[in-house]
Protein backbone atom coordinates (compact mmCIF):
# COMPACT_ATOMS: atom_id res chain seq x y z
CA UNK A 1 65.56 26.04 -52.45
CA UNK A 2 65.63 29.54 -50.98
CA UNK A 3 61.86 29.77 -51.40
CA UNK A 4 61.39 26.49 -49.55
CA UNK A 5 63.64 27.65 -46.69
CA UNK A 6 61.70 30.92 -46.47
CA UNK A 7 58.35 29.12 -46.33
CA UNK A 8 59.58 26.80 -43.58
CA UNK A 9 60.79 29.80 -41.60
CA UNK A 10 57.39 31.47 -42.04
CA UNK A 11 55.63 28.42 -40.68
CA UNK A 12 58.03 28.21 -37.73
CA UNK A 13 58.27 31.84 -36.59
CA UNK A 14 55.37 33.48 -38.41
CA UNK A 15 55.84 35.94 -41.26
CA UNK A 16 55.19 39.64 -40.86
CA UNK A 17 55.80 42.34 -43.43
CA UNK A 18 59.09 44.20 -43.08
CA UNK A 19 58.44 47.67 -41.56
CA UNK A 20 59.62 49.37 -44.75
CA UNK A 21 57.43 47.14 -46.92
CA UNK A 22 54.47 47.68 -44.60
CA UNK A 23 55.04 51.42 -44.81
CA UNK A 24 55.03 51.28 -48.63
CA UNK A 25 51.78 49.27 -48.59
CA UNK A 26 50.15 51.83 -46.31
CA UNK A 27 51.30 54.68 -48.56
CA UNK A 28 49.76 52.90 -51.53
CA UNK A 29 46.54 52.33 -49.58
CA UNK A 30 46.36 56.03 -48.72
CA UNK A 31 46.41 56.89 -52.43
CA UNK A 32 43.50 54.55 -53.19
CA UNK A 33 39.79 55.12 -52.47
CA UNK A 34 38.84 53.22 -49.28
CA UNK A 35 37.03 50.32 -50.96
CA UNK A 36 39.87 49.80 -53.45
CA UNK A 37 42.35 49.93 -50.58
CA UNK A 38 40.23 47.34 -48.74
CA UNK A 39 40.27 45.08 -51.77
CA UNK A 40 44.07 45.32 -51.97
CA UNK A 41 44.38 44.64 -48.22
CA UNK A 42 42.13 41.57 -48.39
CA UNK A 43 44.40 40.16 -51.11
CA UNK A 44 47.47 40.30 -48.84
CA UNK A 45 48.75 36.96 -47.49
CA UNK A 46 49.37 38.57 -44.09
CA UNK A 47 47.15 41.36 -42.77
CA UNK A 48 47.52 43.68 -39.85
CA UNK A 49 44.83 44.89 -37.47
CA UNK A 50 41.99 46.36 -39.50
CA UNK A 51 41.62 49.51 -37.37
CA UNK A 52 45.27 50.35 -38.02
CA UNK A 53 44.82 50.47 -41.79
CA UNK A 54 44.63 53.96 -43.35
CA UNK A 55 41.30 53.18 -45.07
CA UNK A 56 39.52 51.56 -42.11
CA UNK A 57 37.98 54.63 -40.47
CA UNK A 58 37.42 56.78 -43.54
CA UNK A 59 33.76 57.79 -43.92
CA UNK A 60 31.94 55.82 -46.61
CA UNK A 61 28.97 56.56 -48.82
CA UNK A 62 26.07 54.13 -48.83
CA UNK A 63 27.25 52.65 -52.12
CA UNK A 64 30.81 52.24 -50.79
CA UNK A 65 29.51 50.55 -47.65
CA UNK A 66 27.50 48.10 -49.74
CA UNK A 67 30.54 47.21 -51.86
CA UNK A 68 32.78 46.88 -48.79
CA UNK A 69 30.19 44.59 -47.19
CA UNK A 70 30.14 42.36 -50.27
CA UNK A 71 33.94 42.11 -50.35
CA UNK A 72 34.28 41.33 -46.65
CA UNK A 73 31.44 38.78 -46.62
CA UNK A 74 32.95 36.99 -49.62
CA UNK A 75 36.37 36.97 -47.94
CA UNK A 76 35.00 35.63 -44.65
CA UNK A 77 32.90 32.99 -46.37
CA UNK A 78 35.94 31.67 -48.22
CA UNK A 79 38.10 31.75 -45.09
CA UNK A 80 35.43 29.97 -43.02
CA UNK A 81 35.03 27.29 -45.69
CA UNK A 82 38.78 26.70 -45.67
CA UNK A 83 38.88 26.45 -41.87
CA UNK A 84 35.71 24.51 -41.24
CA UNK A 85 34.30 23.16 -44.49
CA UNK A 86 35.71 19.68 -43.84
CA UNK A 87 33.43 19.38 -40.79
CA UNK A 88 30.32 19.28 -42.96
CA UNK A 89 31.71 16.40 -45.00
CA UNK A 90 32.80 14.59 -41.85
CA UNK A 91 29.44 15.32 -40.13
CA UNK A 92 31.34 16.16 -36.99
CA UNK A 93 31.86 19.49 -35.19
CA UNK A 94 34.53 20.07 -32.56
CA UNK A 95 34.99 22.81 -29.97
CA UNK A 96 37.77 22.08 -27.50
CA UNK A 97 36.92 18.81 -25.79
CA UNK A 98 33.35 18.86 -27.08
CA UNK A 99 32.50 16.79 -30.15
CA UNK A 100 29.08 17.09 -31.80
CA UNK A 101 28.39 14.60 -34.62
CA UNK A 102 25.33 15.20 -36.75
CA UNK A 103 23.21 13.49 -39.40
CA UNK A 104 21.02 15.17 -41.95
CA UNK A 105 18.44 14.58 -44.68
CA UNK A 106 17.58 16.90 -47.57
CA UNK A 107 14.00 17.31 -48.77
CA UNK A 108 12.50 18.89 -51.87
CA UNK A 109 13.95 21.09 -54.58
CA UNK A 110 16.04 24.08 -53.61
CA UNK A 111 13.79 27.20 -53.73
CA UNK A 112 14.91 30.36 -55.50
CA UNK A 113 15.45 32.07 -52.15
CA UNK A 114 17.54 29.21 -50.71
CA UNK A 115 16.86 26.14 -48.64
CA UNK A 116 15.33 25.98 -45.16
CA UNK A 117 17.31 24.54 -42.26
CA UNK A 118 15.71 22.59 -39.40
CA UNK A 119 17.90 21.84 -36.38
CA UNK A 120 16.21 19.08 -34.40
CA UNK A 121 17.42 18.28 -30.86
CA UNK A 122 17.06 14.74 -29.51
CA UNK A 123 15.88 13.65 -26.08
CA UNK A 124 17.54 11.49 -23.45
CA UNK A 125 19.83 13.48 -21.20
CA UNK A 126 21.35 12.14 -18.00
CA UNK A 127 21.53 8.55 -19.15
CA UNK A 128 23.92 6.21 -20.94
CA UNK A 129 25.68 7.14 -24.16
CA UNK A 130 23.93 4.23 -25.85
CA UNK A 131 20.50 5.50 -24.81
CA UNK A 132 21.30 9.00 -26.08
CA UNK A 133 22.60 7.51 -29.33
CA UNK A 134 19.26 5.77 -29.77
CA UNK A 135 17.37 9.00 -29.17
CA UNK A 136 19.63 10.75 -31.69
CA UNK A 137 19.00 8.17 -34.41
CA UNK A 138 15.26 8.34 -33.73
CA UNK A 139 15.27 12.16 -33.99
CA UNK A 140 16.55 12.01 -37.56
CA UNK A 141 13.27 10.41 -38.69
CA UNK A 142 10.86 12.05 -36.26
CA UNK A 143 9.91 14.99 -38.52
CA UNK A 144 9.73 15.37 -42.29
CA UNK A 145 9.60 18.87 -43.77
CA UNK A 146 8.40 19.27 -47.36
CA UNK A 147 11.53 21.25 -48.15
CA UNK A 148 14.82 21.88 -46.43
CA UNK A 149 17.90 20.47 -44.79
CA UNK A 150 16.84 18.58 -41.66
CA UNK A 151 19.76 18.17 -39.25
CA UNK A 152 19.84 16.03 -36.11
CA UNK A 153 22.95 16.84 -34.05
CA UNK A 154 24.13 14.48 -31.32
CA UNK A 155 24.67 16.21 -27.97
CA UNK A 156 28.34 16.45 -27.03
CA UNK A 157 27.64 15.36 -23.44
CA UNK A 158 25.30 12.90 -21.70
CA UNK A 159 23.66 15.11 -19.10
CA UNK A 160 20.26 16.58 -18.28
CA UNK A 161 21.32 20.03 -19.52
CA UNK A 162 23.14 18.74 -22.59
CA UNK A 163 21.51 21.23 -24.97
CA UNK A 164 22.08 24.49 -23.13
CA UNK A 165 25.65 24.38 -21.91
CA UNK A 166 27.97 27.14 -23.24
CA UNK A 167 29.62 25.06 -25.97
CA UNK A 168 26.23 24.46 -27.62
CA UNK A 169 25.97 28.10 -28.75
CA UNK A 170 29.31 27.90 -30.56
CA UNK A 171 28.56 24.58 -32.22
CA UNK A 172 25.02 25.47 -33.29
CA UNK A 173 26.22 28.77 -34.74
CA UNK A 174 28.89 26.91 -36.71
CA UNK A 175 26.36 24.33 -37.90
CA UNK A 176 24.19 27.12 -39.33
CA UNK A 177 27.11 28.81 -41.06
CA UNK A 178 28.26 25.54 -42.60
CA UNK A 179 24.76 24.69 -43.81
CA UNK A 180 24.51 28.12 -45.47
CA UNK A 181 27.85 27.60 -47.28
CA UNK A 182 27.60 23.91 -48.11
CA UNK A 183 23.91 23.46 -48.98
CA UNK A 184 22.63 26.91 -49.94
CA UNK A 185 20.53 27.47 -46.82
CA UNK A 186 18.91 30.88 -46.54
CA UNK A 187 19.99 32.28 -43.12
CA UNK A 188 16.53 33.81 -42.76
CA UNK A 189 14.91 30.34 -42.97
CA UNK A 190 16.49 28.59 -39.99
CA UNK A 191 14.22 26.74 -37.52
CA UNK A 192 14.78 25.05 -34.15
CA UNK A 193 12.84 22.17 -32.64
CA UNK A 194 13.39 19.44 -30.06
CA UNK A 195 11.65 16.71 -28.08
CA UNK A 196 11.83 15.97 -24.33
CA UNK A 197 15.38 16.90 -23.24
CA UNK A 198 15.64 18.43 -26.71
CA UNK A 199 12.56 20.47 -25.80
CA UNK A 200 14.42 21.64 -22.69
CA UNK A 201 17.09 22.88 -25.08
CA UNK A 202 14.56 24.70 -27.25
CA UNK A 203 13.21 26.54 -24.21
CA UNK A 204 16.75 27.84 -23.62
CA UNK A 205 18.18 28.29 -27.09
CA UNK A 206 15.11 29.81 -28.75
CA UNK A 207 15.25 33.08 -26.75
CA UNK A 208 19.02 33.01 -26.19
CA UNK A 209 19.88 32.71 -29.89
CA UNK A 210 16.69 34.29 -31.22
CA UNK A 211 18.59 36.45 -33.70
CA UNK A 212 19.47 33.23 -35.56
CA UNK A 213 15.93 31.77 -35.82
CA UNK A 214 12.88 32.40 -37.95
CA UNK A 215 10.80 30.21 -35.62
CA UNK A 216 11.12 27.48 -33.02
CA UNK A 217 8.94 24.71 -31.59
CA UNK A 218 9.27 23.09 -28.18
CA UNK A 219 7.97 19.55 -27.74
CA UNK A 220 7.53 17.89 -24.32
CA UNK A 221 10.29 19.74 -22.47
CA UNK A 222 10.68 21.70 -19.24
CA UNK A 223 11.49 25.45 -19.15
CA UNK A 224 13.23 25.65 -15.80
CA UNK A 225 13.67 29.33 -14.95
CA UNK A 226 14.04 30.60 -18.54
CA UNK A 227 12.31 33.84 -19.59
CA UNK A 228 10.33 34.15 -22.85
CA UNK A 229 11.28 37.84 -23.24
CA UNK A 230 13.79 37.21 -26.05
CA UNK A 231 11.17 35.45 -28.21
CA UNK A 232 9.75 38.79 -29.32
CA UNK A 233 10.80 38.57 -32.98
CA UNK A 234 10.43 34.87 -33.82
CA UNK A 235 7.54 32.45 -34.16
CA UNK A 236 7.32 30.15 -31.15
CA UNK A 237 5.16 27.06 -30.66
CA UNK A 238 4.62 24.95 -27.53
CA UNK A 239 3.52 21.31 -27.76
CA UNK A 240 2.72 19.33 -24.63
CA UNK A 241 0.67 16.27 -23.77
CA UNK A 242 -2.02 17.22 -21.26
CA UNK A 243 -1.12 14.14 -19.17
CA UNK A 244 2.65 14.72 -19.27
CA UNK A 245 2.88 15.42 -15.53
CA UNK A 246 6.48 14.27 -14.87
CA UNK A 247 8.46 17.24 -13.51
CA UNK A 248 5.20 19.23 -13.95
CA UNK A 249 5.96 19.58 -17.66
CA UNK A 250 2.28 20.06 -18.52
CA UNK A 251 1.57 22.79 -15.98
CA UNK A 252 4.90 24.47 -16.74
CA UNK A 253 4.04 24.59 -20.46
CA UNK A 254 0.73 26.27 -19.62
CA UNK A 255 2.53 28.76 -17.37
CA UNK A 256 5.13 29.54 -20.02
CA UNK A 257 2.48 29.96 -22.71
CA UNK A 258 0.56 32.39 -20.51
CA UNK A 259 3.78 34.31 -19.98
CA UNK A 260 4.08 34.82 -23.73
CA UNK A 261 0.39 35.75 -23.87
CA UNK A 262 1.06 38.51 -21.36
CA UNK A 263 4.08 39.81 -23.29
CA UNK A 264 2.03 39.84 -26.50
CA UNK A 265 -0.74 41.88 -24.85
CA UNK A 266 1.79 44.58 -23.92
CA UNK A 267 3.61 44.35 -27.25
CA UNK A 268 1.08 43.20 -29.87
CA UNK A 269 3.48 43.58 -32.81
CA UNK A 270 5.70 40.86 -31.36
CA UNK A 271 5.47 37.41 -29.75
CA UNK A 272 3.70 35.44 -32.47
CA UNK A 273 3.07 32.12 -30.78
CA UNK A 274 0.75 29.18 -30.20
CA UNK A 275 0.40 26.85 -27.21
CA UNK A 276 -0.92 23.37 -27.98
CA UNK A 277 -1.80 21.21 -24.97
CA UNK A 278 -2.82 17.88 -26.51
CA UNK A 279 -5.74 16.27 -24.68
CA UNK A 280 -5.38 12.62 -23.69
CA UNK A 281 -1.65 12.45 -24.49
CA UNK A 282 1.29 11.92 -22.18
CA UNK A 283 4.98 12.40 -22.91
CA UNK A 284 4.56 10.87 -26.38
CA UNK A 285 2.06 12.82 -28.48
CA UNK A 286 1.72 10.27 -31.30
CA UNK A 287 3.27 12.78 -33.72
CA UNK A 288 0.41 15.27 -33.57
CA UNK A 289 3.25 17.74 -33.00
CA UNK A 290 4.49 17.25 -36.58
CA UNK A 291 2.06 20.07 -37.42
CA UNK A 292 4.72 22.38 -36.02
CA UNK A 293 6.82 21.95 -39.19
CA UNK A 294 4.46 23.72 -41.65
CA UNK A 295 3.60 26.28 -38.95
CA UNK A 296 7.25 27.25 -38.55
CA UNK A 297 7.92 27.16 -42.29
CA UNK A 298 5.63 30.17 -42.77
CA UNK A 299 8.05 32.39 -40.81
CA UNK A 300 11.10 34.28 -42.01
CA UNK A 301 13.71 35.77 -39.73
CA UNK A 302 13.79 39.54 -39.35
CA UNK A 303 17.41 40.28 -38.36
CA UNK A 304 16.67 44.01 -37.99
CA UNK A 305 13.43 44.17 -35.96
CA UNK A 306 11.84 47.43 -34.82
CA UNK A 307 12.26 46.38 -31.19
CA UNK A 308 14.80 44.18 -29.45
CA UNK A 309 13.94 42.61 -26.08
CA UNK A 310 16.94 40.85 -24.57
CA UNK A 311 17.30 38.98 -21.30
CA UNK A 312 20.53 37.20 -20.53
CA UNK A 313 20.38 33.49 -19.74
CA UNK A 314 22.84 31.66 -17.47
CA UNK A 315 25.03 31.45 -20.58
CA UNK A 316 25.56 35.09 -21.49
CA UNK A 317 26.15 36.78 -24.84
CA UNK A 318 27.64 40.16 -25.70
CA UNK A 319 25.56 40.74 -28.87
CA UNK A 320 21.92 40.23 -29.81
CA UNK A 321 20.35 41.49 -33.05
CA UNK A 322 21.61 45.10 -33.40
CA UNK A 323 22.60 45.54 -29.75
CA UNK A 324 25.80 44.72 -27.90
CA UNK A 325 27.28 45.15 -24.44
CA UNK A 326 30.82 44.63 -23.12
CA UNK A 327 31.31 40.92 -22.44
CA UNK A 328 32.52 41.62 -18.91
CA UNK A 329 29.25 43.44 -18.13
CA UNK A 330 26.96 40.62 -19.29
CA UNK A 331 25.22 38.98 -16.35
CA UNK A 332 22.47 36.37 -16.08
CA UNK A 333 18.97 37.90 -15.93
CA UNK A 334 20.05 41.39 -17.04
CA UNK A 335 17.58 42.94 -19.47
CA UNK A 336 17.62 45.57 -22.14
CA UNK A 337 14.73 46.64 -24.38
CA UNK A 338 15.25 49.15 -27.21
CA UNK A 339 12.82 50.23 -29.91
CA UNK A 340 13.48 52.18 -33.08
CA UNK A 341 11.34 54.41 -35.25
CA UNK A 342 13.02 56.03 -38.19
CA UNK A 343 16.35 57.39 -36.96
CA UNK A 344 15.25 57.54 -33.32
CA UNK A 345 16.07 54.82 -30.79
CA UNK A 346 14.32 54.70 -27.43
CA UNK A 347 15.82 52.71 -24.57
CA UNK A 348 12.84 51.34 -22.65
CA UNK A 349 14.87 49.30 -20.17
CA UNK A 350 18.59 49.03 -19.59
CA UNK A 351 20.26 47.06 -16.79
CA UNK A 352 23.73 48.02 -18.07
CA UNK A 353 25.99 51.06 -17.64
CA UNK A 354 25.64 51.54 -21.38
CA UNK A 355 24.68 49.83 -24.63
CA UNK A 356 26.02 49.93 -28.17
CA UNK A 357 23.51 50.24 -31.01
CA UNK A 358 24.83 48.92 -34.32
CA UNK A 359 23.54 50.57 -37.49
CA UNK A 360 23.27 50.02 -41.21
CA UNK A 361 21.39 51.56 -44.13
CA UNK A 362 18.60 48.98 -44.00
CA UNK A 363 17.70 50.25 -40.51
CA UNK A 364 18.18 54.00 -40.65
CA UNK A 365 19.13 56.84 -42.98
CA UNK A 366 22.79 57.22 -42.09
CA UNK A 367 23.00 60.43 -44.10
CA UNK A 368 20.76 62.02 -41.44
CA UNK A 369 21.29 62.46 -37.66
CA UNK A 370 20.61 59.54 -35.31
CA UNK A 371 19.01 60.09 -31.92
CA UNK A 372 19.05 57.92 -28.78
CA UNK A 373 16.60 58.62 -25.94
CA UNK A 374 16.27 57.15 -22.45
CA UNK A 375 13.73 58.25 -19.82
CA UNK A 376 12.93 61.32 -21.92
CA UNK A 377 16.59 62.40 -22.00
CA UNK A 378 18.60 62.57 -25.21
CA UNK A 379 21.78 60.55 -24.73
CA UNK A 380 23.06 61.05 -28.27
CA UNK A 381 22.08 63.09 -31.31
CA UNK A 382 24.19 63.52 -34.39
CA UNK A 383 25.38 62.01 -37.65
CA UNK A 384 27.26 58.73 -37.54
CA UNK A 385 29.75 57.73 -40.22
CA UNK A 386 29.88 54.41 -42.00
CA UNK A 387 33.31 52.81 -42.02
CA UNK A 388 35.08 49.62 -43.03
CA UNK A 389 36.25 48.79 -39.50
CA UNK A 390 32.66 48.43 -38.29
CA UNK A 391 31.71 46.28 -41.28
CA UNK A 392 34.77 44.06 -40.90
CA UNK A 393 34.29 43.49 -37.17
CA UNK A 394 30.59 42.64 -37.49
CA UNK A 395 31.31 40.11 -40.25
CA UNK A 396 34.23 38.67 -38.32
CA UNK A 397 32.09 38.27 -35.20
CA UNK A 398 28.85 36.94 -36.67
CA UNK A 399 29.52 35.77 -40.22
CA UNK A 400 25.86 36.54 -40.91
CA UNK A 401 24.85 38.64 -43.94
CA UNK A 402 21.74 39.83 -42.10
CA UNK A 403 23.77 41.21 -39.19
CA UNK A 404 26.40 43.37 -40.90
CA UNK A 405 26.71 46.90 -39.54
CA UNK A 406 28.63 49.86 -40.93
CA UNK A 407 28.24 52.24 -37.97
CA UNK A 408 27.50 52.29 -34.26
CA UNK A 409 26.56 54.50 -31.33
CA UNK A 410 27.35 53.79 -27.69
CA UNK A 411 24.88 55.39 -25.31
CA UNK A 412 25.63 55.81 -21.60
């Protein structure tokens, strides 16, 4: 009976460790090696702020960082499955007032390196809910990969910009994380495609969320004022009927493709792309564009590219690949371009007061000094320690095994 009363009180007022008990736990943590202390902390029913734990900022070896990463990823995966796993079974994602149902089909045997994931955005837009429902159902059968989980989400709103409003980023990110947990998707084999208004969404989401994609394909959409700069590290394909002149879609596709051509000339190690303008076809291309599926399937995501080119869209982000900026400094159209070679990072363009470069042992040798240069001036040079706080925060923020960082440098 006392236990039941205690549990009810916990649910009502929230349970926190008694100061004396918390002090004893911290003393015990201090006596343990940092990774063992982390393991004990993760097992607690109630945790404090990670940075306040005695083990959180202790320098780690490479091996300790790898073990801490494994523990924290496993913990976050289990917690995410508890919080959100039911949404996969229900085929329905929710974010505030926005509800995004989805349907999916699974093709082929699961490869040794995990399944592929295709997120396919339907057309329609500023029309009736019934019309958009029809487009959604059609999208589920429009493309057939040889292998993978093919998901057709239903836009949460019925509007022309239904695929690039702010809530879409949150819901798409969650869809990917759920697919990884529930179906064994490899997060480096995630692909984006969409037709008509869905193509509008691909124009926006491909560069904006490029650190999530291996490749993307735009079919019969309109780019608006979006920049291709962020496409540097993914495969990108454009499909357009030569006679699709409504809203100048055809001429805009040619213009956008030439923009990527120009970027690739200046940066030939990036911007792998193809532009296909289909002669004699209008808005419907008679499924010639299905060739995009095997083209995309040849790509794998590189979450730690040698160069990051980032331009903010109207919907801003505070992190992109291994870069981040304060959320309150993110503005539409701001750019930052940073390259890395060995342990040296060169800031080629920076529209911010400063930028944070996140680091791990797959990128650099963290046992050696790291250097950051801008305009020929050294902004930082020195050794950077790995620690659990950095690992924990990157997992908490992204939930992505390819984007876990044990150290960071902020250059101003």
